[in-house]
Every structure is written in structure tokens, then in C-alpha cells.
Amino acid sequence: MPMPSENPQPVTARLTSAAQLVASLPVYLGFTPTESVVVVCQDEPRGRVGLTMRFDLPAPEHEELFVDDAVRRVLKQTPSRLVVAVYTSEPDGAEPARAALVDTLLDRLPRGLRITDAVLVRDGRFWSYLCDDRCCCPSEGTPVEAARDDDQVRVIEAAQVLRGRAPLPDRTALERSLAGPVFLAAARARAVFERVEAELARDWREDRDEAQEQLLDEWEAAVGGQPALPNDVQAARLVVSLEDRLLRDTVAASFAPDVLLPLLAELCRRTPEPYDAGIATLFAWTAYCEGGGAEVTIALDRAQRTDPAYSLAGLLRAHVDQQTSPEELRRVTREVADVLPLRRRSSD
């Protein structure tokens, strides 16, 4: 069975101004942050965006602890450049809000690490902590909206929308976008999942190899948009199939993350407890491979609420805590793909 291309050409955009960077941050994060510090790791060539990290803005008495943690995570990534953005409603004092925090963070970073910019974002405007030239950085700030319609920013936003990851107004909205059905809708979905689970258990007992191949065919059809959205039974079959760990790992390794993510997000929204640990973990794994941030944590939290002992969720949590780079996780996934027996059978 042929698989979709695993290495599609990425969509690229060139961001050369502070306004473009600030306008693009909610696109990368998936929501507009509040009371946060955002650290964007960039790599050569030309400052390619790597891991984007969002931290809760620490209380002033905890800034030293925050800086220690942030520096440790940055050094783990070994970037060549860095962008720092502070989102807060706090007013300025003798200095811009949280200027001391930014100064301490930048002082602790290696001397060879280039700081692309460090900005304060407040009330729809931003100011640079590094530039006091009023020609380019006016005292009243620069409207974030000034770059929202920029062609390069719109390219990034369009690419995320195509991946099913349009930016949302806040983190709560992002959580809702990955939540399962509730109340009567959850009860109806649970009845379908229970019936499908019994059917697949019977199929696995009769001929597991044949059942695996059939389910992998169903995953390929769904990822390819046939049908555009699975019906309730088809969605339940895809999700319950992840109880087969070999099939789950084959799905993770067989499809390009940006192609797989929209389907996984849709399945997360249609999956009731207690069936959601597998699909939420697969979404989190795939999103992390794509450089996802808050959505990864939200999906992992959901998986581990349902099944605290789910091993793949625990493994991914360790990678997230250690700030393993998305490229490293993609490499691990590719290596797994090379040894999966189900995938080799499918390609024969």
C-alpha cells in the first residue's frame, strides 16, 4: 500500500521586521498569549523558526527561578538566534514593564547567541526593549495590527489554517478546540465507541494481521480526505484502532505531520472518555514534531487524565520537559518507521 509523501515542501516566509515577528507569534502559538513570556529559538540559515516556548509570566520574586529555567531550555536547543516577547498588561515604571527580567535573561545567555529582538506587547501595541530610536520605535508603541495584513505573515497564517491550526483568541479557546463531546453528545458517542470496540476485538481475535491491514487502509483513506470527514462509526474505528500499539506507531510514522494533524484534531473533538488517551497522545506527538507548544501540553494533559499510565504519553511528557527539539523527535519517528513490520507488510 503506497503511503503519502513524508517530506512535503514546507511553506516558507521571510520575516525581517519586529512588526512581522510580533504579528506572527500568535500564529505559531495557536493563540494570543496573555501575561506570558514567549521565547522563539531560531536557527540558520536566515533565522529559521525552531521551538517556540511560552511561559507564564513569573511573579517578580520568582524571576530568578524563571530565568534559570528558561536559559536551561534555550541551551538545550542550541539556537543561533533568539526572539523574546513579554506579554503583559502591567504598566511601565521608571523602565518598561519587566525590563529587569528581560535584561537578566539576556545577560545569562551565551555571548555568541544573537538576539533578533526583545519586545514588550501590551494592549495591541509593542515596544522594543533593545531599541530607543524613536524613528523606528515610537514612544507610543507600534500597533500589532500594522503587520497583520503583511504578505509574509498571511502566508504563515494560511499555512497554519490549511493544517487545521488557525490561531485562536486565547488559551481557553485552544483547550476547547481539542476537547471531546460532553453530556448527551458524549453519551451517544460512547455508545458508538463501545460497539466498535467490541467489533474490533472480535476482528483482532479472528485474524489480527488482516484487521491491521484493513484499519491502516482506513487511516490512509481518512488522511487523504476520503470521505472529507469520517462518519461517527468510521471515526470510532480510527480511534479505537490505536489500542493496537503497532498500528498506532505505524500511523505516527507513515504520514507527514502537517497532513495528519487536521484529522487528529477532528478525532480528538469527537472522542469521548475513556477512549481519548490514544488519540490525544498521537495528536500531541504529531503536533510536537511540527513545533507545537500549548496544544501539545493540552492534549497530553487530556491523555494522562484519562490514563495516567499511558506509556507513550509519559515518554512524550519527558521529551517536552527536557525540551527535546522537534527535529530530534522527527528523527526518532523516522527511525521507528524503518523497523515497523506492519509498514513493511503494507508496502509489499
Protein backbone atom coordinates (compact mmCIF):
# COMPACT_ATOMS: atom_id res chain seq x y z
CA MET A 1 0.00 0.00 0.00
CA PRO A 2 1.63 3.31 -1.01
CA MET A 3 1.87 5.99 1.66
CA PRO A 4 1.56 9.77 1.24
CA SER A 5 4.76 11.72 0.90
CA GLU A 6 6.53 12.14 4.22
CA ASN A 7 8.59 15.13 3.11
CA PRO A 8 6.30 17.71 1.54
CA GLN A 9 7.84 21.02 0.61
CA PRO A 10 7.40 23.34 3.60
CA VAL A 11 5.72 26.69 3.27
CA THR A 12 8.29 29.40 3.93
CA ALA A 13 8.01 33.10 4.67
CA ARG A 14 10.70 35.67 5.33
CA LEU A 15 10.16 37.83 8.40
CA THR A 16 12.55 40.76 8.50
CA SER A 17 10.93 43.26 10.88
CA ALA A 18 9.92 43.32 14.53
CA ALA A 19 6.32 44.02 13.47
CA GLN A 20 6.23 40.86 11.34
CA LEU A 21 7.68 38.79 14.19
CA VAL A 22 5.18 40.07 16.75
CA ALA A 23 2.24 39.60 14.40
CA SER A 24 3.30 36.04 13.64
CA LEU A 25 3.74 34.86 17.25
CA PRO A 26 0.03 34.06 17.87
CA VAL A 27 0.08 32.12 14.60
CA TYR A 28 2.97 29.93 15.80
CA LEU A 29 1.49 29.52 19.29
CA GLY A 30 -2.06 28.88 18.12
CA PHE A 31 -3.50 31.64 20.36
CA THR A 32 -2.79 35.17 21.52
CA PRO A 33 -0.91 34.91 24.83
CA THR A 34 -1.57 36.99 27.93
CA GLU A 35 0.73 37.54 30.93
CA SER A 36 3.39 35.43 29.26
CA VAL A 37 6.99 35.31 28.16
CA VAL A 38 7.49 33.84 24.69
CA VAL A 39 10.94 32.68 23.60
CA VAL A 40 11.45 31.79 19.95
CA CYS A 41 14.52 29.76 19.03
CA GLN A 42 15.86 30.45 15.56
CA ASP A 43 18.40 28.53 13.53
CA GLU A 44 20.50 29.13 10.48
CA PRO A 45 20.06 29.63 7.63
CA ARG A 46 18.39 33.02 7.87
CA GLY A 47 16.87 32.63 11.32
CA ARG A 48 14.54 29.70 10.60
CA VAL A 49 11.98 29.41 13.42
CA GLY A 50 12.58 26.41 15.66
CA LEU A 51 10.98 25.61 19.00
CA THR A 52 8.66 28.36 20.28
CA MET A 53 8.24 28.32 24.07
CA ARG A 54 5.59 30.13 26.09
CA PHE A 55 5.99 30.59 29.86
CA ASP A 56 3.60 32.08 32.38
CA LEU A 57 4.90 35.50 33.36
CA PRO A 58 6.51 34.91 36.77
CA ALA A 59 5.81 36.97 39.85
CA PRO A 60 8.66 39.47 40.38
CA GLU A 61 10.03 37.46 43.33
CA HIS A 62 10.30 34.37 41.12
CA GLU A 63 12.06 35.97 38.16
CA GLU A 64 15.45 34.45 39.02
CA LEU A 65 14.00 30.94 39.03
CA PHE A 66 12.27 31.63 35.73
CA VAL A 67 15.48 32.88 34.11
CA ASP A 68 17.37 29.77 35.26
CA ASP A 69 14.70 27.51 33.75
CA ALA A 70 14.38 29.50 30.51
CA VAL A 71 18.15 29.57 29.93
CA ARG A 72 18.39 25.82 30.53
CA ARG A 73 15.68 25.17 27.96
CA VAL A 74 17.20 27.54 25.40
CA LEU A 75 20.65 25.94 25.72
CA LYS A 76 19.06 22.54 25.13
CA GLN A 77 18.02 23.78 21.67
CA THR A 78 21.42 25.28 20.73
CA PRO A 79 19.83 28.03 18.57
CA SER A 80 21.83 30.67 16.73
CA ARG A 81 19.30 33.48 17.33
CA LEU A 82 16.52 34.26 19.77
CA VAL A 83 13.37 36.38 19.96
CA VAL A 84 11.91 37.28 23.36
CA ALA A 85 8.42 38.75 23.79
CA VAL A 86 6.80 39.77 27.07
CA TYR A 87 3.00 39.95 27.02
CA THR A 88 1.59 41.83 29.99
CA SER A 89 -0.96 44.44 30.98
CA GLU A 90 1.37 45.76 33.70
CA PRO A 91 2.12 49.49 33.41
CA ASP A 92 5.60 50.87 32.94
CA GLY A 93 7.56 52.27 35.84
CA ALA A 94 10.88 54.04 35.58
CA GLU A 95 11.61 51.42 32.90
CA PRO A 96 9.33 49.49 30.55
CA ALA A 97 7.37 46.74 32.27
CA ARG A 98 9.55 43.72 33.09
CA ALA A 99 12.67 45.31 31.62
CA ALA A 100 14.73 43.92 34.52
CA LEU A 101 13.51 40.40 33.75
CA VAL A 102 14.48 40.73 30.09
CA ASP A 103 17.88 42.22 30.98
CA THR A 104 18.64 39.36 33.37
CA LEU A 105 17.56 36.75 30.81
CA LEU A 106 19.68 38.24 28.03
CA ASP A 107 22.70 38.63 30.33
CA ARG A 108 22.60 34.93 31.21
CA LEU A 109 22.57 33.75 27.60
CA PRO A 110 25.82 32.82 25.79
CA ARG A 111 27.64 35.77 24.24
CA GLY A 112 27.58 34.26 20.77
CA LEU A 113 23.81 33.92 20.70
CA ARG A 114 22.30 36.69 18.60
CA ILE A 115 19.15 38.38 19.95
CA THR A 116 16.96 39.18 16.97
CA ASP A 117 14.71 41.33 19.16
CA ALA A 118 13.13 41.57 22.60
CA VAL A 119 9.72 43.24 22.75
CA LEU A 120 7.02 44.23 25.17
CA VAL A 121 3.48 43.59 23.89
CA ARG A 122 0.58 45.35 25.63
CA ASP A 123 -2.88 46.50 24.62
CA GLY A 124 -2.39 45.73 20.94
CA ARG A 125 0.94 47.59 20.69
CA PHE A 126 4.58 46.61 21.08
CA TRP A 127 7.84 48.29 22.10
CA SER A 128 11.40 47.08 21.68
CA TYR A 129 13.47 46.61 24.83
CA LEU A 130 16.62 46.92 22.70
CA CYS A 131 15.95 49.99 20.56
CA ASP A 132 15.30 53.57 21.67
CA ASP A 133 15.40 55.14 18.22
CA ARG A 134 12.08 56.99 18.03
CA CYS A 135 12.16 56.87 14.23
CA CYS A 136 11.55 53.13 14.22
CA CYS A 137 10.34 52.59 17.81
CA PRO A 138 7.99 55.42 18.78
CA SER A 139 7.30 56.08 22.45
CA GLU A 140 3.60 55.32 21.97
CA GLY A 141 4.47 51.88 20.60
CA THR A 142 3.72 50.27 17.27
CA PRO A 143 0.27 48.72 16.60
CA VAL A 144 0.45 44.94 16.22
CA GLU A 145 -2.27 45.26 13.59
CA ALA A 146 0.23 47.14 11.42
CA ALA A 147 1.69 43.83 10.27
CA ARG A 148 -1.39 41.61 10.45
CA ASP A 149 -2.06 42.13 6.73
CA ASP A 150 1.60 41.78 5.78
CA ASP A 151 2.00 39.30 2.91
CA GLN A 152 4.61 37.19 4.74
CA VAL A 153 2.54 36.95 7.92
CA ARG A 154 -0.51 35.98 5.90
CA VAL A 155 1.48 33.20 4.20
CA ILE A 156 2.30 31.75 7.63
CA GLU A 157 -1.29 32.09 8.84
CA ALA A 158 -2.68 30.49 5.66
CA ALA A 159 -0.30 27.55 6.05
CA GLN A 160 -1.45 27.02 9.63
CA VAL A 161 -5.12 27.24 8.64
CA LEU A 162 -4.54 24.56 5.99
CA ARG A 163 -3.10 22.40 8.75
CA GLY A 164 -6.21 22.93 10.88
CA ARG A 165 -4.34 25.20 13.29
CA ALA A 166 -5.86 28.65 12.87
CA PRO A 167 -4.85 30.99 15.73
CA LEU A 168 -7.46 31.36 18.48
CA PRO A 169 -8.12 34.34 20.77
CA ASP A 170 -6.69 32.75 23.94
CA ARG A 171 -5.54 29.51 25.57
CA THR A 172 -9.02 28.66 26.82
CA ALA A 173 -10.29 28.68 23.25
CA LEU A 174 -7.40 26.40 22.26
CA GLU A 175 -8.38 23.98 25.03
CA ARG A 176 -11.97 23.96 23.80
CA SER A 177 -10.81 23.24 20.25
CA LEU A 178 -9.26 19.95 21.41
CA ALA A 179 -11.95 18.91 23.92
CA GLY A 180 -14.20 15.90 23.43
CA PRO A 181 -18.01 15.79 23.41
CA VAL A 182 -19.91 16.37 26.66
CA PHE A 183 -23.28 15.46 28.21
CA LEU A 184 -25.71 13.87 25.73
CA ALA A 185 -23.26 14.08 22.84
CA ALA A 186 -20.69 12.21 24.93
CA ALA A 187 -23.22 9.52 25.84
CA ARG A 188 -24.16 9.00 22.19
CA ALA A 189 -20.51 8.86 21.11
CA ARG A 190 -19.66 6.44 23.91
CA ALA A 191 -22.35 4.02 22.73
CA VAL A 192 -20.85 4.03 19.21
CA PHE A 193 -17.33 3.55 20.55
CA GLU A 194 -18.41 0.64 22.78
CA ARG A 195 -19.99 -1.12 19.81
CA VAL A 196 -16.96 -0.52 17.58
CA GLU A 197 -14.58 -1.67 20.32
CA ALA A 198 -16.42 -4.98 20.57
CA GLU A 199 -16.37 -5.43 16.78
CA LEU A 200 -12.64 -4.72 16.50
CA ALA A 201 -11.85 -7.01 19.42
CA ARG A 202 -13.61 -9.81 17.51
CA ASP A 203 -11.72 -8.95 14.29
CA TRP A 204 -8.39 -8.95 16.11
CA ARG A 205 -9.11 -12.36 17.64
CA GLU A 206 -10.01 -13.86 14.25
CA ASP A 207 -7.07 -12.51 12.17
CA ARG A 208 -5.03 -9.69 13.64
CA ASP A 209 -2.80 -9.21 10.58
CA GLU A 210 -5.77 -8.81 8.25
CA ALA A 211 -7.52 -6.47 10.69
CA GLN A 212 -4.40 -4.31 10.98
CA GLU A 213 -4.10 -4.01 7.20
CA GLN A 214 -7.77 -3.07 6.87
CA LEU A 215 -7.50 -0.42 9.56
CA LEU A 216 -4.33 1.02 8.04
CA ASP A 217 -6.22 1.29 4.73
CA GLU A 218 -8.94 3.21 6.60
CA TRP A 219 -6.36 5.58 8.07
CA GLU A 220 -4.87 6.19 4.62
CA ALA A 221 -8.30 6.96 3.17
CA ALA A 222 -9.17 9.31 6.05
CA VAL A 223 -5.85 11.18 5.87
CA GLY A 224 -6.37 11.54 2.13
CA GLY A 225 -9.79 13.10 2.72
CA GLN A 226 -11.96 10.15 1.58
CA PRO A 227 -14.51 10.92 2.89
CA ALA A 228 -13.87 14.57 3.74
CA LEU A 229 -14.84 13.84 7.35
CA PRO A 230 -15.35 10.32 8.74
CA ASN A 231 -18.83 9.48 9.96
CA ASP A 232 -19.31 8.52 13.61
CA VAL A 233 -18.58 4.82 13.08
CA GLN A 234 -15.56 5.49 10.87
CA ALA A 235 -14.19 7.98 13.40
CA ALA A 236 -14.66 5.47 16.22
CA ARG A 237 -12.88 2.74 14.22
CA LEU A 238 -9.88 5.00 13.65
CA VAL A 239 -9.63 5.99 17.31
CA VAL A 240 -10.21 2.52 18.76
CA SER A 241 -7.68 1.06 16.30
CA LEU A 242 -4.99 2.94 18.25
CA GLU A 243 -5.44 0.39 21.05
CA ASP A 244 -3.22 -1.73 18.77
CA ARG A 245 0.15 -0.16 19.65
CA LEU A 246 1.83 -1.42 16.46
CA LEU A 247 -0.89 0.18 14.35
CA ARG A 248 -0.68 3.40 16.37
CA ASP A 249 3.08 3.66 15.85
CA THR A 250 2.68 2.86 12.15
CA VAL A 251 0.18 5.69 11.74
CA ALA A 252 2.53 8.10 13.55
CA ALA A 253 5.42 7.12 11.29
CA SER A 254 3.61 6.81 7.96
CA PHE A 255 2.08 10.23 7.37
CA ALA A 256 3.53 13.72 7.19
CA PRO A 257 2.68 15.54 10.44
CA ASP A 258 1.13 18.57 8.74
CA VAL A 259 -1.13 16.27 6.71
CA LEU A 260 -2.12 14.13 9.70
CA LEU A 261 -2.79 16.90 12.25
CA PRO A 262 -6.17 18.21 10.96
CA LEU A 263 -7.65 14.70 11.06
CA LEU A 264 -6.25 14.05 14.54
CA ALA A 265 -7.70 17.31 15.85
CA GLU A 266 -11.13 16.40 14.43
CA LEU A 267 -10.94 12.94 16.02
CA CYS A 268 -9.98 14.47 19.38
CA ARG A 269 -13.14 16.58 19.28
CA ARG A 270 -15.31 13.51 18.52
CA THR A 271 -13.80 11.10 21.05
CA PRO A 272 -15.39 10.66 24.50
CA GLU A 273 -13.72 9.45 27.66
CA PRO A 274 -12.36 6.84 28.31
CA TYR A 275 -11.30 6.33 24.68
CA ASP A 276 -9.26 9.50 24.26
CA ALA A 277 -5.82 8.64 25.68
CA GLY A 278 -4.53 7.18 22.42
CA ILE A 279 -5.85 9.83 20.03
CA ALA A 280 -4.87 12.72 22.32
CA THR A 281 -1.33 11.33 22.66
CA LEU A 282 -0.99 10.77 18.92
CA PHE A 283 -2.14 14.35 18.32
CA ALA A 284 0.37 15.65 20.90
CA TRP A 285 3.22 13.63 19.40
CA THR A 286 2.44 14.78 15.88
CA ALA A 287 1.96 18.42 16.93
CA TYR A 288 5.30 18.41 18.77
CA CYS A 289 7.02 17.11 15.63
CA GLU A 290 5.58 20.20 13.93
CA GLY A 291 6.93 22.52 16.64
CA GLY A 292 3.64 22.79 18.55
CA GLY A 293 3.60 24.27 22.04
CA ALA A 294 0.49 24.81 24.14
CA GLU A 295 -1.61 22.41 22.07
CA VAL A 296 0.89 19.64 22.88
CA THR A 297 0.56 20.23 26.62
CA ILE A 298 -3.24 20.48 26.41
CA ALA A 299 -3.52 17.18 24.53
CA LEU A 300 -1.04 15.44 26.85
CA ASP A 301 -2.95 16.64 29.91
CA ARG A 302 -6.12 15.19 28.43
CA ALA A 303 -4.49 11.83 27.67
CA GLN A 304 -2.98 11.49 31.13
CA ARG A 305 -6.20 12.48 32.89
CA THR A 306 -7.86 9.52 31.20
CA ASP A 307 -4.94 7.10 31.58
CA PRO A 308 -2.07 8.28 33.83
CA ALA A 309 -0.13 5.11 32.93
CA TYR A 310 -0.34 5.52 29.14
CA SER A 311 3.30 4.84 28.25
CA LEU A 312 3.63 6.90 25.06
CA ALA A 313 2.13 9.93 26.82
CA GLY A 314 4.67 9.52 29.61
CA LEU A 315 7.51 9.27 27.10
CA LEU A 316 6.38 12.40 25.26
CA ARG A 317 5.95 14.28 28.55
CA ALA A 318 9.61 13.54 29.31
CA HIS A 319 10.64 14.89 25.88
CA VAL A 320 8.56 18.03 26.44
CA ASP A 321 10.03 18.58 29.91
CA GLN A 322 13.55 18.16 28.53
CA GLN A 323 12.75 20.48 25.58
CA THR A 324 13.78 17.86 23.03
CA SER A 325 13.88 19.60 19.67
CA PRO A 326 11.08 18.84 17.18
CA GLU A 327 13.72 17.78 14.66
CA GLU A 328 15.04 15.18 17.10
CA LEU A 329 11.53 13.80 17.63
CA ARG A 330 11.02 13.69 13.87
CA ARG A 331 14.29 11.76 13.56
CA VAL A 332 13.17 9.25 16.17
CA THR A 333 9.86 8.81 14.35
CA ARG A 334 11.65 8.21 11.04
CA GLU A 335 13.89 5.60 12.64
CA VAL A 336 10.88 3.81 14.08
CA ALA A 337 9.26 3.82 10.64
CA ASP A 338 12.20 1.89 9.20
CA VAL A 339 11.69 -1.09 11.52
CA LEU A 340 7.89 -1.33 11.74
CA PRO A 341 6.81 -4.76 10.44
CA LEU A 342 3.27 -3.60 9.65
CA ARG A 343 4.56 -0.84 7.40
CA ARG A 344 6.87 -3.26 5.59
CA ARG A 345 3.96 -5.65 5.01
CA SER A 346 1.85 -2.77 3.69
CA SER A 347 4.48 -1.73 1.14
CA ASP A 348 4.99 -5.25 -0.27
